[in-house]
Amino acid sequence: MNFAPVSTLADLETLDDEQISEGYRSAERGDPEPGPNRGRSFWHGWRNRMIDMGELPGDDASRSLAREYLAAQRQQRASEGK
């Protein structure tokens, strides 16, 4: 692994959205892990897609990020409903 996995929304917010999307879209089954020349944002997107496709196992970092994201979404929906 070339980069530390993203495990918090605060960390995710430091990454480049376009690069995350590019990494996600480019990931295909059997792809090797991108090198450090692609950057952490691209790598995060690639890693997320590989987890989504079942090519990589989910881990503590991905579960932590998902929990934070879902909690934030619930909080946003609750505040919009008031």
PDB file of N, CA and C in Angstrom:
ATOM      1  N   MET A   1       0.853  -1.177   0.000  1.00  0.00           N
ATOM      2  CA  MET A   1       0.000   0.000   0.000  1.00  0.00           C
ATOM      3  C   MET A   1       0.894   1.234   0.000  1.00  0.00           C
ATOM      4  N   ASN A   2       0.606   2.145  -0.887  1.00  0.00           N
ATOM      5  CA  ASN A   2       1.409   3.352  -1.014  1.00  0.00           C
ATOM      6  C   ASN A   2       0.951   4.494  -0.117  1.00  0.00           C
ATOM      7  N   PHE A   3      -0.307   4.514   0.262  1.00  0.00           N
ATOM      8  CA  PHE A   3      -0.871   5.615   1.034  1.00  0.00           C
ATOM      9  C   PHE A   3      -1.649   5.079   2.225  1.00  0.00           C
ATOM     10  N   ALA A   4      -1.859   5.954   3.214  1.00  0.00           N
ATOM     11  CA  ALA A   4      -2.690   5.592   4.358  1.00  0.00           C
ATOM     12  C   ALA A   4      -4.154   5.645   3.926  1.00  0.00           C
ATOM     13  N   PRO A   5      -4.928   4.617   4.252  1.00  0.00           N
ATOM     14  CA  PRO A   5      -6.350   4.633   3.892  1.00  0.00           C
ATOM     15  C   PRO A   5      -7.092   5.783   4.583  1.00  0.00           C
ATOM     16  N   VAL A   6      -8.081   6.303   3.912  1.00  0.00           N
ATOM     17  CA  VAL A   6      -8.917   7.371   4.453  1.00  0.00           C
ATOM     18  C   VAL A   6      -9.931   6.740   5.403  1.00  0.00           C
ATOM     19  N   SER A   7      -9.979   7.244   6.636  1.00  0.00           N
ATOM     20  CA  SER A   7     -10.897   6.650   7.602  1.00  0.00           C
ATOM     21  C   SER A   7     -11.836   7.667   8.241  1.00  0.00           C
ATOM     22  N   THR A   8     -11.676   8.969   7.904  1.00  0.00           N
ATOM     23  CA  THR A   8     -12.546  10.008   8.472  1.00  0.00           C
ATOM     24  C   THR A   8     -13.009  10.961   7.378  1.00  0.00           C
ATOM     25  N   LEU A   9     -14.147  11.595   7.627  1.00  0.00           N
ATOM     26  CA  LEU A   9     -14.637  12.602   6.681  1.00  0.00           C
ATOM     27  C   LEU A   9     -13.686  13.793   6.619  1.00  0.00           C
ATOM     28  N   ALA A  10     -13.096  14.152   7.749  1.00  0.00           N
ATOM     29  CA  ALA A  10     -12.147  15.271   7.766  1.00  0.00           C
ATOM     30  C   ALA A  10     -10.977  14.982   6.831  1.00  0.00           C
ATOM     31  N   ASP A  11     -10.483  13.766   6.850  1.00  0.00           N
ATOM     32  CA  ASP A  11      -9.396  13.376   5.954  1.00  0.00           C
ATOM     33  C   ASP A  11      -9.877  13.371   4.504  1.00  0.00           C
ATOM     34  N   LEU A  12     -11.064  12.835   4.263  1.00  0.00           N
ATOM     35  CA  LEU A  12     -11.616  12.792   2.913  1.00  0.00           C
ATOM     36  C   LEU A  12     -11.729  14.194   2.323  1.00  0.00           C
ATOM     37  N   GLU A  13     -12.102  15.160   3.143  1.00  0.00           N
ATOM     38  CA  GLU A  13     -12.285  16.533   2.666  1.00  0.00           C
ATOM     39  C   GLU A  13     -10.973  17.169   2.218  1.00  0.00           C
ATOM     40  N   THR A  14      -9.837  16.596   2.584  1.00  0.00           N
ATOM     41  CA  THR A  14      -8.545  17.142   2.152  1.00  0.00           C
ATOM     42  C   THR A  14      -8.167  16.658   0.757  1.00  0.00           C
ATOM     43  N   LEU A  15      -8.902  15.685   0.227  1.00  0.00           N
ATOM     44  CA  LEU A  15      -8.566  15.094  -1.062  1.00  0.00           C
ATOM     45  C   LEU A  15      -9.284  15.804  -2.206  1.00  0.00           C
ATOM     46  N   ASP A  16      -8.777  15.625  -3.401  1.00  0.00           N
ATOM     47  CA  ASP A  16      -9.323  16.241  -4.608  1.00  0.00           C
ATOM     48  C   ASP A  16     -10.455  15.379  -5.173  1.00  0.00           C
ATOM     49  N   ASP A  17     -11.655  15.932  -5.212  1.00  0.00           N
ATOM     50  CA  ASP A  17     -12.838  15.186  -5.669  1.00  0.00           C
ATOM     51  C   ASP A  17     -12.683  14.653  -7.092  1.00  0.00           C
ATOM     52  N   GLU A  18     -12.122  15.463  -7.986  1.00  0.00           N
ATOM     53  CA  GLU A  18     -11.970  15.015  -9.375  1.00  0.00           C
ATOM     54  C   GLU A  18     -11.018  13.836  -9.475  1.00  0.00           C
ATOM     55  N   GLN A  19      -9.938  13.877  -8.711  1.00  0.00           N
ATOM     56  CA  GLN A  19      -8.985  12.771  -8.729  1.00  0.00           C
ATOM     57  C   GLN A  19      -9.588  11.510  -8.110  1.00  0.00           C
ATOM     58  N   ILE A  20     -10.397  11.678  -7.061  1.00  0.00           N
ATOM     59  CA  ILE A  20     -11.087  10.526  -6.470  1.00  0.00           C
ATOM     60  C   ILE A  20     -11.982   9.879  -7.522  1.00  0.00           C
ATOM     61  N   SER A  21     -12.758  10.710  -8.209  1.00  0.00           N
ATOM     62  CA  SER A  21     -13.669  10.194  -9.240  1.00  0.00           C
ATOM     63  C   SER A  21     -12.899   9.511 -10.371  1.00  0.00           C
ATOM     64  N   GLU A  22     -11.787  10.112 -10.778  1.00  0.00           N
ATOM     65  CA  GLU A  22     -10.986   9.515 -11.850  1.00  0.00           C
ATOM     66  C   GLU A  22     -10.454   8.146 -11.421  1.00  0.00           C
ATOM     67  N   GLY A  23      -9.960   8.068 -10.202  1.00  0.00           N
ATOM     68  CA  GLY A  23      -9.458   6.790  -9.698  1.00  0.00           C
ATOM     69  C   GLY A  23     -10.559   5.743  -9.621  1.00  0.00           C
ATOM     70  N   TYR A  24     -11.742   6.150  -9.165  1.00  0.00           N
ATOM     71  CA  TYR A  24     -12.871   5.217  -9.052  1.00  0.00           C
ATOM     72  C   TYR A  24     -13.270   4.699 -10.426  1.00  0.00           C
ATOM     73  N   ARG A  25     -13.404   5.623 -11.377  1.00  0.00           N
ATOM     74  CA  ARG A  25     -13.834   5.234 -12.734  1.00  0.00           C
ATOM     75  C   ARG A  25     -12.806   4.359 -13.449  1.00  0.00           C
ATOM     76  N   SER A  26     -11.542   4.555 -13.139  1.00  0.00           N
ATOM     77  CA  SER A  26     -10.499   3.826 -13.870  1.00  0.00           C
ATOM     78  C   SER A  26     -10.255   2.418 -13.334  1.00  0.00           C
ATOM     79  N   ALA A  27     -10.686   2.128 -12.118  1.00  0.00           N
ATOM     80  CA  ALA A  27     -10.399   0.826 -11.508  1.00  0.00           C
ATOM     81  C   ALA A  27     -11.145  -0.295 -12.230  1.00  0.00           C
ATOM     82  N   GLU A  28     -10.417  -1.348 -12.544  1.00  0.00           N
ATOM     83  CA  GLU A  28     -11.002  -2.532 -13.182  1.00  0.00           C
ATOM     84  C   GLU A  28     -10.499  -3.775 -12.481  1.00  0.00           C
ATOM     85  N   ARG A  29     -11.294  -4.819 -12.541  1.00  0.00           N
ATOM     86  CA  ARG A  29     -10.907  -6.082 -11.903  1.00  0.00           C
ATOM     87  C   ARG A  29      -9.504  -6.497 -12.342  1.00  0.00           C
ATOM     88  N   GLY A  30      -8.701  -6.902 -11.378  1.00  0.00           N
ATOM     89  CA  GLY A  30      -7.359  -7.374 -11.663  1.00  0.00           C
ATOM     90  C   GLY A  30      -6.314  -6.282 -11.810  1.00  0.00           C
ATOM     91  N   ASP A  31      -6.729  -5.016 -11.733  1.00  0.00           N
ATOM     92  CA  ASP A  31      -5.761  -3.924 -11.840  1.00  0.00           C
ATOM     93  C   ASP A  31      -4.741  -3.982 -10.713  1.00  0.00           C
ATOM     94  N   PRO A  32      -3.498  -3.645 -11.024  1.00  0.00           N
ATOM     95  CA  PRO A  32      -2.521  -3.479  -9.944  1.00  0.00           C
ATOM     96  C   PRO A  32      -2.785  -2.165  -9.216  1.00  0.00           C
ATOM     97  N   GLU A  33      -2.333  -2.083  -8.008  1.00  0.00           N
ATOM     98  CA  GLU A  33      -2.490  -0.854  -7.224  1.00  0.00           C
ATOM     99  C   GLU A  33      -1.751   0.290  -7.920  1.00  0.00           C
ATOM    100  N   PRO A  34      -2.385   1.476  -8.013  1.00  0.00           N
ATOM    101  CA  PRO A  34      -1.704   2.609  -8.632  1.00  0.00           C
ATOM    102  C   PRO A  34      -0.451   2.986  -7.840  1.00  0.00           C
ATOM    103  N   GLY A  35       0.528   3.502  -8.538  1.00  0.00           N
ATOM    104  CA  GLY A  35       1.756   3.943  -7.895  1.00  0.00           C
ATOM    105  C   GLY A  35       1.605   5.314  -7.270  1.00  0.00           C
ATOM    106  N   PRO A  36       2.611   5.741  -6.528  1.00  0.00           N
ATOM    107  CA  PRO A  36       2.553   7.037  -5.846  1.00  0.00           C
ATOM    108  C   PRO A  36       2.494   8.222  -6.806  1.00  0.00           C
ATOM    109  N   ASN A  37       2.813   8.010  -8.072  1.00  0.00           N
ATOM    110  CA  ASN A  37       2.731   9.096  -9.047  1.00  0.00           C
ATOM    111  C   ASN A  37       1.293   9.535  -9.303  1.00  0.00           C
ATOM    112  N   ARG A  38       0.317   8.716  -8.931  1.00  0.00           N
ATOM    113  CA  ARG A  38      -1.094   9.057  -9.161  1.00  0.00           C
ATOM    114  C   ARG A  38      -1.672   9.889  -8.025  1.00  0.00           C
ATOM    115  N   GLY A  39      -1.084   9.868  -6.857  1.00  0.00           N
ATOM    116  CA  GLY A  39      -1.557  10.668  -5.735  1.00  0.00           C
ATOM    117  C   GLY A  39      -2.571   9.932  -4.872  1.00  0.00           C
ATOM    118  N   ARG A  40      -2.711  10.426  -3.667  1.00  0.00           N
ATOM    119  CA  ARG A  40      -3.576   9.776  -2.684  1.00  0.00           C
ATOM    120  C   ARG A  40      -5.054   9.868  -3.060  1.00  0.00           C
ATOM    121  N   SER A  41      -5.468  10.985  -3.653  1.00  0.00           N
ATOM    122  CA  SER A  41      -6.877  11.139  -4.040  1.00  0.00           C
ATOM    123  C   SER A  41      -7.262  10.088  -5.074  1.00  0.00           C
ATOM    124  N   PHE A  42      -6.446   9.949  -6.108  1.00  0.00           N
ATOM    125  CA  PHE A  42      -6.693   8.936  -7.137  1.00  0.00           C
ATOM    126  C   PHE A  42      -6.693   7.554  -6.506  1.00  0.00           C
ATOM    127  N   TRP A  43      -5.692   7.289  -5.669  1.00  0.00           N
ATOM    128  CA  TRP A  43      -5.570   5.983  -5.016  1.00  0.00           C
ATOM    129  C   TRP A  43      -6.811   5.675  -4.177  1.00  0.00           C
ATOM    130  N   HIS A  44      -7.320   6.671  -3.445  1.00  0.00           N
ATOM    131  CA  HIS A  44      -8.514   6.455  -2.625  1.00  0.00           C
ATOM    132  C   HIS A  44      -9.700   6.061  -3.501  1.00  0.00           C
ATOM    133  N   GLY A  45      -9.890   6.763  -4.615  1.00  0.00           N
ATOM    134  CA  GLY A  45     -10.989   6.410  -5.518  1.00  0.00           C
ATOM    135  C   GLY A  45     -10.829   5.011  -6.073  1.00  0.00           C
ATOM    136  N   TRP A  46      -9.621   4.669  -6.509  1.00  0.00           N
ATOM    137  CA  TRP A  46      -9.331   3.331  -7.030  1.00  0.00           C
ATOM    138  C   TRP A  46      -9.617   2.282  -5.960  1.00  0.00           C
ATOM    139  N   ARG A  47      -9.132   2.529  -4.752  1.00  0.00           N
ATOM    140  CA  ARG A  47      -9.305   1.586  -3.646  1.00  0.00           C
ATOM    141  C   ARG A  47     -10.792   1.379  -3.319  1.00  0.00           C
ATOM    142  N   ASN A  48     -11.542   2.486  -3.301  1.00  0.00           N
ATOM    143  CA  ASN A  48     -12.978   2.387  -3.013  1.00  0.00           C
ATOM    144  C   ASN A  48     -13.685   1.504  -4.037  1.00  0.00           C
ATOM    145  N   ARG A  49     -13.372   1.708  -5.302  1.00  0.00           N
ATOM    146  CA  ARG A  49     -14.021   0.903  -6.341  1.00  0.00           C
ATOM    147  C   ARG A  49     -13.621  -0.565  -6.220  1.00  0.00           C
ATOM    148  N   MET A  50     -12.351  -0.812  -5.931  1.00  0.00           N
ATOM    149  CA  MET A  50     -11.903  -2.197  -5.784  1.00  0.00           C
ATOM    150  C   MET A  50     -12.614  -2.873  -4.615  1.00  0.00           C
ATOM    151  N   ILE A  51     -12.863  -2.134  -3.538  1.00  0.00           N
ATOM    152  CA  ILE A  51     -13.632  -2.678  -2.413  1.00  0.00           C
ATOM    153  C   ILE A  51     -15.074  -2.900  -2.849  1.00  0.00           C
ATOM    154  N   ASP A  52     -15.662  -1.932  -3.547  1.00  0.00           N
ATOM    155  CA  ASP A  52     -17.042  -2.062  -4.022  1.00  0.00           C
ATOM    156  C   ASP A  52     -17.215  -3.281  -4.931  1.00  0.00           C
ATOM    157  N   MET A  53     -16.207  -3.581  -5.751  1.00  0.00           N
ATOM    158  CA  MET A  53     -16.285  -4.719  -6.670  1.00  0.00           C
ATOM    159  C   MET A  53     -15.908  -6.036  -5.997  1.00  0.00           C
ATOM    160  N   GLY A  54     -15.445  -5.981  -4.751  1.00  0.00           N
ATOM    161  CA  GLY A  54     -15.044  -7.198  -4.063  1.00  0.00           C
ATOM    162  C   GLY A  54     -13.636  -7.659  -4.409  1.00  0.00           C
ATOM    163  N   GLU A  55     -12.875  -6.817  -5.096  1.00  0.00           N
ATOM    164  CA  GLU A  55     -11.498  -7.159  -5.444  1.00  0.00           C
ATOM    165  C   GLU A  55     -10.567  -7.002  -4.244  1.00  0.00           C
ATOM    166  N   LEU A  56     -10.894  -6.060  -3.371  1.00  0.00           N
ATOM    167  CA  LEU A  56     -10.163  -5.867  -2.120  1.00  0.00           C
ATOM    168  C   LEU A  56     -11.158  -6.031  -0.974  1.00  0.00           C
ATOM    169  N   PRO A  57     -10.715  -6.575   0.132  1.00  0.00           N
ATOM    170  CA  PRO A  57     -11.622  -6.683   1.280  1.00  0.00           C
ATOM    171  C   PRO A  57     -11.800  -5.327   1.949  1.00  0.00           C
ATOM    172  N   GLY A  58     -12.984  -5.086   2.474  1.00  0.00           N
ATOM    173  CA  GLY A  58     -13.187  -3.900   3.295  1.00  0.00           C
ATOM    174  C   GLY A  58     -12.320  -4.030   4.538  1.00  0.00           C
ATOM    175  N   ASP A  59     -11.981  -2.917   5.142  1.00  0.00           N
ATOM    176  CA  ASP A  59     -11.139  -2.956   6.332  1.00  0.00           C
ATOM    177  C   ASP A  59     -11.649  -1.923   7.342  1.00  0.00           C
ATOM    178  N   ASP A  60     -10.937  -1.793   8.441  1.00  0.00           N
ATOM    179  CA  ASP A  60     -11.361  -0.861   9.486  1.00  0.00           C
ATOM    180  C   ASP A  60     -11.487   0.561   8.964  1.00  0.00           C
ATOM    181  N   ALA A  61     -10.549   0.993   8.127  1.00  0.00           N
ATOM    182  CA  ALA A  61     -10.592   2.358   7.601  1.00  0.00           C
ATOM    183  C   ALA A  61     -11.831   2.580   6.738  1.00  0.00           C
ATOM    184  N   SER A  62     -12.124   1.655   5.851  1.00  0.00           N
ATOM    185  CA  SER A  62     -13.289   1.832   4.973  1.00  0.00           C
ATOM    186  C   SER A  62     -14.588   1.770   5.768  1.00  0.00           C
ATOM    187  N   ARG A  63     -14.645   0.910   6.773  1.00  0.00           N
ATOM    188  CA  ARG A  63     -15.850   0.828   7.609  1.00  0.00           C
ATOM    189  C   ARG A  63     -16.026   2.090   8.449  1.00  0.00           C
ATOM    190  N   SER A  64     -14.928   2.630   8.973  1.00  0.00           N
ATOM    191  CA  SER A  64     -14.990   3.854   9.767  1.00  0.00           C
ATOM    192  C   SER A  64     -15.483   5.026   8.922  1.00  0.00           C
ATOM    193  N   LEU A  65     -14.950   5.145   7.708  1.00  0.00           N
ATOM    194  CA  LEU A  65     -15.372   6.217   6.811  1.00  0.00           C
ATOM    195  C   LEU A  65     -16.846   6.067   6.452  1.00  0.00           C
ATOM    196  N   ALA A  66     -17.274   4.869   6.168  1.00  0.00           N
ATOM    197  CA  ALA A  66     -18.686   4.630   5.827  1.00  0.00           C
ATOM    198  C   ALA A  66     -19.593   4.995   7.007  1.00  0.00           C
ATOM    199  N   ARG A  67     -19.200   4.621   8.223  1.00  0.00           N
ATOM    200  CA  ARG A  67     -20.005   4.967   9.406  1.00  0.00           C
ATOM    201  C   ARG A  67     -20.123   6.473   9.570  1.00  0.00           C
ATOM    202  N   GLU A  68     -18.998   7.187   9.433  1.00  0.00           N
ATOM    203  CA  GLU A  68     -19.035   8.646   9.563  1.00  0.00           C
ATOM    204  C   GLU A  68     -19.903   9.277   8.478  1.00  0.00           C
ATOM    205  N   TYR A  69     -19.776   8.784   7.264  1.00  0.00           N
ATOM    206  CA  TYR A  69     -20.547   9.325   6.156  1.00  0.00           C
ATOM    207  C   TYR A  69     -22.051   9.124   6.400  1.00  0.00           C
ATOM    208  N   LEU A  70     -22.429   7.924   6.780  1.00  0.00           N
ATOM    209  CA  LEU A  70     -23.847   7.642   7.024  1.00  0.00           C
ATOM    210  C   LEU A  70     -24.387   8.446   8.194  1.00  0.00           C
ATOM    211  N   ALA A  71     -23.598   8.610   9.241  1.00  0.00           N
ATOM    212  CA  ALA A  71     -24.030   9.420  10.388  1.00  0.00           C
ATOM    213  C   ALA A  71     -24.238  10.872   9.970  1.00  0.00           C
ATOM    214  N   ALA A  72     -23.339  11.398   9.143  1.00  0.00           N
ATOM    215  CA  ALA A  72     -23.481  12.776   8.657  1.00  0.00           C
ATOM    216  C   ALA A  72     -24.726  12.922   7.785  1.00  0.00           C
ATOM    217  N   GLN A  73     -24.998  11.912   6.953  1.00  0.00           N
ATOM    218  CA  GLN A  73     -26.192  11.959   6.106  1.00  0.00           C
ATOM    219  C   GLN A  73     -27.463  11.932   6.955  1.00  0.00           C
ATOM    220  N   ARG A  74     -27.477  11.091   7.980  1.00  0.00           N
ATOM    221  CA  ARG A  74     -28.644  11.029   8.870  1.00  0.00           C
ATOM    222  C   ARG A  74     -28.848  12.362   9.581  1.00  0.00           C
ATOM    223  N   GLN A  75     -27.758  12.956  10.054  1.00  0.00           N
ATOM    224  CA  GLN A  75     -27.832  14.228  10.749  1.00  0.00           C
ATOM    225  C   GLN A  75     -28.344  15.330   9.812  1.00  0.00           C
ATOM    226  N   GLN A  76     -27.873  15.324   8.574  1.00  0.00           N
ATOM    227  CA  GLN A  76     -28.307  16.325   7.592  1.00  0.00           C
ATOM    228  C   GLN A  76     -29.803  16.161   7.303  1.00  0.00           C
ATOM    229  N   ARG A  77     -30.260  14.928   7.108  1.00  0.00           N
ATOM    230  CA  ARG A  77     -31.675  14.699   6.845  1.00  0.00           C
ATOM    231  C   ARG A  77     -32.539  15.128   8.031  1.00  0.00           C
ATOM    232  N   ALA A  78     -32.047  14.844   9.233  1.00  0.00           N
ATOM    233  CA  ALA A  78     -32.806  15.221  10.431  1.00  0.00           C
ATOM    234  C   ALA A  78     -32.910  16.738  10.559  1.00  0.00           C
ATOM    235  N   SER A  79     -31.832  17.447  10.265  1.00  0.00           N
ATOM    236  CA  SER A  79     -31.858  18.905  10.374  1.00  0.00           C
ATOM    237  C   SER A  79     -32.708  19.530   9.277  1.00  0.00           C
ATOM    238  N   GLU A  80     -32.779  18.910   8.121  1.00  0.00           N
ATOM    239  CA  GLU A  80     -33.611  19.425   7.032  1.00  0.00           C
ATOM    240  C   GLU A  80     -35.093  19.174   7.312  1.00  0.00           C
ATOM    241  N   GLY A  81     -35.395  18.175   8.112  1.00  0.00           N
ATOM    242  CA  GLY A  81     -36.785  17.839   8.417  1.00  0.00           C
ATOM    243  C   GLY A  81     -37.390  18.701   9.498  1.00  0.00           C
ATOM    244  N   LYS A  82     -36.574  19.525  10.124  1.00  0.00           N
ATOM    245  CA  LYS A  82     -37.086  20.383  11.220  1.00  0.00           C
ATOM    246  C   LYS A  82     -37.578  21.705  10.710  1.00  0.00           C
TER     247      LYS A  82
END
